[in-house]
Amino acid sequence: MKILAFDTATEYCSAALWLEGNLLERTERAGQTHSQLLLPQCRSLLEEARIDLQQLDCIAFGMGPGSFTGLRIGCAAAQGLAFAADLPVIGINSLQAMAAESGGDKVLVCLDARMGEIYHALYARVDGSILEIRAPGVCKPEEMPGLDGDGWTGCGNGFATYAAVLMSQFGGALNLVTENCYPYARQIAILAAGQFAKEGGCAAESALPLYIRNKVALKISER
């Protein structure tokens, strides 16, 4: 199985190539330059592996939630590459990829959503799979729903941006907090490989972003 995967949901731009269980990857802190970095990263991976786009089995992408602009770039790239090579696509929830990256068995993901809010979700690692316990949502940090029990791992830059609020709410339930945790393409590739093996992929036109929130920015009166 050969899968090209990438994620553009945060300030990082990353791409990875899954080759029968082996991984090649490229990661760079992009800021606002995802559109300039992503395709060269993908091309570099294919050249290193000495394969053509048409030899892939699937294109996988981080579908969000995350930066609106970043998600549109990632989805456009997934659609374009998939249409060009007649390949299926798989969208992976970026928060699920963060949970996988954290290494925890019970994970609270908190990603800074800007505008005074966070994207959040709960996941559990069961028999090697990352299962959704609470669906992704968006809210102000002080409005976060509670946790059941203890032994949780917290991950994501929401814990850096809103440390005081989140730790006052969840500190007693958390064994570990990893602020510097992002939805890197390597986890997108790993999760997509498992999904592709079970279910296959979807048509290229289904490469759509998961926004959760429809509002891009605050009005002047709301700031």
Foldseek 3Di string as FASTA:
>chain_A
DWEWEWEQQEQKTKIWIQDVNDIDMDIDRHRPNNLVPHVVRSVVRCVVVVHDLLPGAEYEYAQDDHAPVRNVSGLVVLLVSCVVNVHFYYYDHFQLLLVVQQPAQWEWEWEDPPPQKTWIFIWGQDPNDTHGPGDIAMDHLLPDDADPAARYEYEELRCVVVVVNNCVRCVVRHPYYHHPTGNHGVSRVVNVVVCCVPPNGHGSVVSHHDHNDPDNDDDPVSD
